[in-house]
Structures are given as structure tokens and as C-alpha cells.
Amino acid sequence: MFPALSAILCLSLLLPSVHCNNNLLCYYSPIMYRNKTFDLVLTECPPTELCMTGNGRYGNHSALSTRGCMAPTGCGQVHPLPLKGTIYTMTYACCDYNYCNAGHRVAVNSVPLVVAMMAMTMLLIWLLFPFYKAAGSPHSGYTYMYRRLL
């Protein structure tokens, strides 16, 4: 009973991390001045949206940037954006595969993701293959064996 319950618990914890749908994974950053830094955030777009990058220009100077998700109807659009008393011309470009709006300025810290995945893997192994002390072992120390799962 416990091995089956452990397996169900482990699977329920792992299922949200499995990407089972067709939603795009994109990077997000708010509209901000280009000389500012921001750690990009990974986000999952709604089913009908694409990844996008936005560029805000003031005359010939590229001054603003943004990333995220956008409906296909907004892709390629140009519109004015008033920000702090200045009117910028925002242009949006879209793409349709995971992480396609990363560009060359990605500053995403993936260490927490790697640590979480390693922890989940260790938990899965520990839950599915628990060790136990073999009864009647001829050795004075512990003999470990894998318990069979049903």
C-alpha cells in the first residue's frame, strides 16, 4: 500500500513540471529603459498567444525594451507609448517556439530550477526504491536491499 501511495504522491508532485500542453514558454520583462537590467522571468503564455519582444524608440534612439506574451493580432504593430512625458514608438515582434524571445541579453538564474529538479529526482528515487535492513543477515553490519514495488 505504501509504495503505491508514495508513487502516486511523487507523480502528483512531478506532473506540474511536465510540459504536456502546447503553450509557449517565453521570457518576461516589463517595459523599461534599455540601460536598466532586469532578471528575466520565465512565463507560460496563454494558448492563443506568442512570445514577443518590444522595442521602444525615441527618434532614431532605441530607448525601451520589453518581452513577454502577445496575441498574434498585436505582432508587427507599431503604436505610440507615452511614458514619463515622452512619447515612444513601440514596435512588437513575435516568434512561435519556446524561449525564442531570449535574445542575447538573457540574465535568467537557472540554479534554483536545477536544484529543484535534482531534489525531485532524489525524492522520486527515495520514494520508489526505499532501503531496509535485511532480517537475519549473516553480516554484523547492515545489508541493504531494494524492496520490490507492486
C-alpha atoms as a PDB file:
ATOM      1  CA  MET A   1       0.000   0.000   0.000  1.00  0.00           C
ATOM      2  CA  PHE A   2       2.717   2.485   0.950  1.00  0.00           C
ATOM      3  CA  PRO A   3       4.830   2.053  -2.194  1.00  0.00           C
ATOM      4  CA  ALA A   4       1.777   2.712  -4.363  1.00  0.00           C
ATOM      5  CA  LEU A   5       0.825   5.728  -2.247  1.00  0.00           C
ATOM      6  CA  SER A   6       4.393   7.016  -2.432  1.00  0.00           C
ATOM      7  CA  ALA A   7       4.406   6.639  -6.205  1.00  0.00           C
ATOM      8  CA  ILE A   8       1.079   8.493  -6.526  1.00  0.00           C
ATOM      9  CA  LEU A   9       2.338  11.312  -4.291  1.00  0.00           C
ATOM     10  CA  CYS A  10       5.553  11.608  -6.250  1.00  0.00           C
ATOM     11  CA  LEU A  11       3.770  11.635  -9.597  1.00  0.00           C
ATOM     12  CA  SER A  12       1.362  14.300  -8.391  1.00  0.00           C
ATOM     13  CA  LEU A  13       4.359  16.454  -7.460  1.00  0.00           C
ATOM     14  CA  LEU A  14       6.106  15.878 -10.775  1.00  0.00           C
ATOM     15  CA  LEU A  15       3.146  16.311 -13.122  1.00  0.00           C
ATOM     16  CA  PRO A  16       3.010  20.137 -12.936  1.00  0.00           C
ATOM     17  CA  SER A  17       6.638  20.289 -14.077  1.00  0.00           C
ATOM     18  CA  VAL A  18       5.896  18.154 -17.142  1.00  0.00           C
ATOM     19  CA  HIS A  19       5.028  20.354 -20.081  1.00  0.00           C
ATOM     20  CA  CYS A  20       2.051  18.471 -21.522  1.00  0.00           C
ATOM     21  CA  ASN A  21       0.378  21.231 -23.496  1.00  0.00           C
ATOM     22  CA  ASN A  22       1.310  23.364 -26.463  1.00  0.00           C
ATOM     23  CA  ASN A  23       1.588  26.668 -24.605  1.00  0.00           C
ATOM     24  CA  LEU A  24       4.797  28.543 -25.331  1.00  0.00           C
ATOM     25  CA  LEU A  25       7.429  29.167 -22.683  1.00  0.00           C
ATOM     26  CA  CYS A  26       8.711  32.718 -23.035  1.00  0.00           C
ATOM     27  CA  TYR A  27      10.743  35.247 -21.112  1.00  0.00           C
ATOM     28  CA  TYR A  28       9.061  38.240 -19.490  1.00  0.00           C
ATOM     29  CA  SER A  29      10.410  41.639 -18.588  1.00  0.00           C
ATOM     30  CA  PRO A  30       8.355  44.808 -18.104  1.00  0.00           C
ATOM     31  CA  ILE A  31       8.689  47.861 -20.335  1.00  0.00           C
ATOM     32  CA  MET A  32      11.869  49.523 -19.152  1.00  0.00           C
ATOM     33  CA  TYR A  33      14.755  51.680 -20.301  1.00  0.00           C
ATOM     34  CA  ARG A  34      17.431  49.756 -22.224  1.00  0.00           C
ATOM     35  CA  ASN A  35      20.254  50.780 -19.872  1.00  0.00           C
ATOM     36  CA  LYS A  36      18.434  49.159 -16.918  1.00  0.00           C
ATOM     37  CA  THR A  37      18.943  45.500 -16.037  1.00  0.00           C
ATOM     38  CA  PHE A  38      16.231  43.064 -15.076  1.00  0.00           C
ATOM     39  CA  ASP A  39      16.420  39.337 -14.371  1.00  0.00           C
ATOM     40  CA  LEU A  40      14.125  37.822 -16.944  1.00  0.00           C
ATOM     41  CA  VAL A  41      11.281  35.681 -15.653  1.00  0.00           C
ATOM     42  CA  LEU A  42      10.186  32.511 -17.420  1.00  0.00           C
ATOM     43  CA  THR A  43       6.456  32.519 -18.121  1.00  0.00           C
ATOM     44  CA  GLU A  44       3.945  30.291 -19.881  1.00  0.00           C
ATOM     45  CA  CYS A  45       1.818  32.062 -22.467  1.00  0.00           C
ATOM     46  CA  PRO A  46      -1.933  31.502 -22.750  1.00  0.00           C
ATOM     47  CA  PRO A  47      -2.862  29.021 -25.506  1.00  0.00           C
ATOM     48  CA  THR A  48      -3.588  31.652 -28.152  1.00  0.00           C
ATOM     49  CA  GLU A  49      -0.550  33.888 -27.573  1.00  0.00           C
ATOM     50  CA  LEU A  50       3.006  34.036 -28.933  1.00  0.00           C
ATOM     51  CA  CYS A  51       6.322  35.136 -27.454  1.00  0.00           C
ATOM     52  CA  MET A  52       7.167  38.767 -28.182  1.00  0.00           C
ATOM     53  CA  THR A  53       9.902  41.328 -27.889  1.00  0.00           C
ATOM     54  CA  GLY A  54       9.120  45.002 -27.907  1.00  0.00           C
ATOM     55  CA  ASN A  55      11.364  47.877 -28.859  1.00  0.00           C
ATOM     56  CA  GLY A  56      10.583  51.478 -27.949  1.00  0.00           C
ATOM     57  CA  ARG A  57      12.230  54.196 -29.998  1.00  0.00           C
ATOM     58  CA  TYR A  58      12.526  57.932 -29.468  1.00  0.00           C
ATOM     59  CA  GLY A  59      13.538  59.286 -32.848  1.00  0.00           C
ATOM     60  CA  ASN A  60      16.492  57.171 -34.000  1.00  0.00           C
ATOM     61  CA  HIS A  61      17.400  56.114 -30.465  1.00  0.00           C
ATOM     62  CA  SER A  62      16.309  52.693 -29.169  1.00  0.00           C
ATOM     63  CA  ALA A  63      15.330  53.525 -25.598  1.00  0.00           C
ATOM     64  CA  LEU A  64      12.854  50.929 -24.260  1.00  0.00           C
ATOM     65  CA  SER A  65      12.562  47.163 -24.316  1.00  0.00           C
ATOM     66  CA  THR A  66      10.093  44.545 -23.154  1.00  0.00           C
ATOM     67  CA  ARG A  67       9.475  40.800 -23.507  1.00  0.00           C
ATOM     68  CA  GLY A  68       6.509  38.567 -22.838  1.00  0.00           C
ATOM     69  CA  CYS A  69       3.426  37.106 -24.483  1.00  0.00           C
ATOM     70  CA  MET A  70       1.118  38.741 -27.003  1.00  0.00           C
ATOM     71  CA  ALA A  71      -1.894  37.901 -29.141  1.00  0.00           C
ATOM     72  CA  PRO A  72      -0.949  37.353 -32.807  1.00  0.00           C
ATOM     73  CA  THR A  73      -3.004  40.404 -33.828  1.00  0.00           C
ATOM     74  CA  GLY A  74      -0.561  42.654 -31.935  1.00  0.00           C
ATOM     75  CA  CYS A  75       2.525  41.232 -33.639  1.00  0.00           C
ATOM     76  CA  GLY A  76       4.221  43.612 -36.035  1.00  0.00           C
ATOM     77  CA  GLN A  77       2.116  46.504 -34.761  1.00  0.00           C
ATOM     78  CA  VAL A  78       3.577  49.948 -34.127  1.00  0.00           C
ATOM     79  CA  HIS A  79       1.938  52.375 -31.717  1.00  0.00           C
ATOM     80  CA  PRO A  80       2.832  55.381 -29.558  1.00  0.00           C
ATOM     81  CA  LEU A  81       3.521  54.873 -25.859  1.00  0.00           C
ATOM     82  CA  PRO A  82       3.586  57.888 -23.560  1.00  0.00           C
ATOM     83  CA  LEU A  83       5.984  57.306 -20.655  1.00  0.00           C
ATOM     84  CA  LYS A  84       7.116  59.965 -18.175  1.00  0.00           C
ATOM     85  CA  GLY A  85       6.273  62.842 -20.503  1.00  0.00           C
ATOM     86  CA  THR A  86       7.946  61.343 -23.584  1.00  0.00           C
ATOM     87  CA  ILE A  87       6.159  59.597 -26.445  1.00  0.00           C
ATOM     88  CA  TYR A  88       7.995  56.495 -27.661  1.00  0.00           C
ATOM     89  CA  THR A  89       7.193  54.447 -30.757  1.00  0.00           C
ATOM     90  CA  MET A  90       6.772  50.822 -29.703  1.00  0.00           C
ATOM     91  CA  THR A  91       7.286  48.027 -32.240  1.00  0.00           C
ATOM     92  CA  TYR A  92       6.476  44.405 -31.381  1.00  0.00           C
ATOM     93  CA  ALA A  93       7.960  41.288 -32.986  1.00  0.00           C
ATOM     94  CA  CYS A  94       6.625  37.806 -32.257  1.00  0.00           C
ATOM     95  CA  CYS A  95       8.013  34.284 -32.522  1.00  0.00           C
ATOM     96  CA  ASP A  96       6.432  30.865 -32.043  1.00  0.00           C
ATOM     97  CA  TYR A  97       8.826  28.466 -30.301  1.00  0.00           C
ATOM     98  CA  ASN A  98       9.922  28.087 -26.673  1.00  0.00           C
ATOM     99  CA  TYR A  99      12.383  30.684 -25.339  1.00  0.00           C
ATOM    100  CA  CYS A 100      12.547  32.410 -28.732  1.00  0.00           C
ATOM    101  CA  ASN A 101      12.397  35.884 -27.170  1.00  0.00           C
ATOM    102  CA  ALA A 102      15.550  35.314 -25.106  1.00  0.00           C
ATOM    103  CA  GLY A 103      17.819  37.371 -27.350  1.00  0.00           C
ATOM    104  CA  HIS A 104      21.434  37.861 -26.405  1.00  0.00           C
ATOM    105  CA  ARG A 105      20.775  39.587 -23.086  1.00  0.00           C
ATOM    106  CA  VAL A 106      19.366  36.704 -21.047  1.00  0.00           C
ATOM    107  CA  ALA A 107      20.112  37.060 -17.351  1.00  0.00           C
ATOM    108  CA  VAL A 108      17.981  34.229 -16.034  1.00  0.00           C
ATOM    109  CA  ASN A 109      19.259  32.467 -12.944  1.00  0.00           C
ATOM    110  CA  SER A 110      18.632  28.775 -13.611  1.00  0.00           C
ATOM    111  CA  VAL A 111      20.304  27.486 -10.429  1.00  0.00           C
ATOM    112  CA  PRO A 112      17.016  27.265  -8.448  1.00  0.00           C
ATOM    113  CA  LEU A 113      15.422  25.282 -11.279  1.00  0.00           C
ATOM    114  CA  VAL A 114      18.343  22.825 -11.433  1.00  0.00           C
ATOM    115  CA  VAL A 115      18.369  22.394  -7.644  1.00  0.00           C
ATOM    116  CA  ALA A 116      14.593  21.802  -7.591  1.00  0.00           C
ATOM    117  CA  MET A 117      14.792  19.203 -10.367  1.00  0.00           C
ATOM    118  CA  MET A 118      17.658  17.393  -8.608  1.00  0.00           C
ATOM    119  CA  ALA A 119      15.708  17.385  -5.347  1.00  0.00           C
ATOM    120  CA  MET A 120      12.617  15.982  -7.072  1.00  0.00           C
ATOM    121  CA  THR A 121      14.715  13.277  -8.729  1.00  0.00           C
ATOM    122  CA  MET A 122      16.262  12.276  -5.396  1.00  0.00           C
ATOM    123  CA  LEU A 123      12.824  12.260  -3.762  1.00  0.00           C
ATOM    124  CA  LEU A 124      11.472  10.076  -6.554  1.00  0.00           C
ATOM    125  CA  ILE A 125      14.321   7.587  -6.151  1.00  0.00           C
ATOM    126  CA  TRP A 126      13.938   7.590  -2.385  1.00  0.00           C
ATOM    127  CA  LEU A 127      10.166   7.020  -2.576  1.00  0.00           C
ATOM    128  CA  LEU A 128      10.244   4.365  -5.265  1.00  0.00           C
ATOM    129  CA  PHE A 129      13.290   2.437  -4.051  1.00  0.00           C
ATOM    130  CA  PRO A 130      13.386   2.617  -0.242  1.00  0.00           C
ATOM    131  CA  PHE A 131      16.115   0.694   1.571  1.00  0.00           C
ATOM    132  CA  TYR A 132      15.523  -1.596   4.514  1.00  0.00           C
ATOM    133  CA  LYS A 133      17.639  -3.733   6.843  1.00  0.00           C
ATOM    134  CA  ALA A 134      17.606  -7.355   5.745  1.00  0.00           C
ATOM    135  CA  ALA A 135      16.317  -9.594   8.514  1.00  0.00           C
ATOM    136  CA  GLY A 136      18.588 -12.444   9.544  1.00  0.00           C
ATOM    137  CA  SER A 137      21.624 -11.075   7.766  1.00  0.00           C
ATOM    138  CA  PRO A 138      24.778 -13.093   8.416  1.00  0.00           C
ATOM    139  CA  HIS A 139      26.791  -9.869   8.394  1.00  0.00           C
ATOM    140  CA  SER A 140      27.275  -7.831  11.547  1.00  0.00           C
ATOM    141  CA  GLY A 141      26.603  -4.605   9.662  1.00  0.00           C
ATOM    142  CA  TYR A 142      23.584  -3.529   7.690  1.00  0.00           C
ATOM    143  CA  THR A 143      22.735  -5.209   4.434  1.00  0.00           C
ATOM    144  CA  TYR A 144      20.590  -3.068   2.224  1.00  0.00           C
ATOM    145  CA  MET A 145      18.264  -4.440  -0.369  1.00  0.00           C
ATOM    146  CA  TYR A 146      15.732  -2.913  -2.688  1.00  0.00           C
ATOM    147  CA  ARG A 147      12.145  -3.622  -1.767  1.00  0.00           C
ATOM    148  CA  ARG A 148      10.047  -4.827  -4.672  1.00  0.00           C
ATOM    149  CA  LEU A 149       7.349  -2.480  -5.849  1.00  0.00           C
ATOM    150  CA  LEU A 150       3.941  -3.881  -6.596  1.00  0.00           C
END
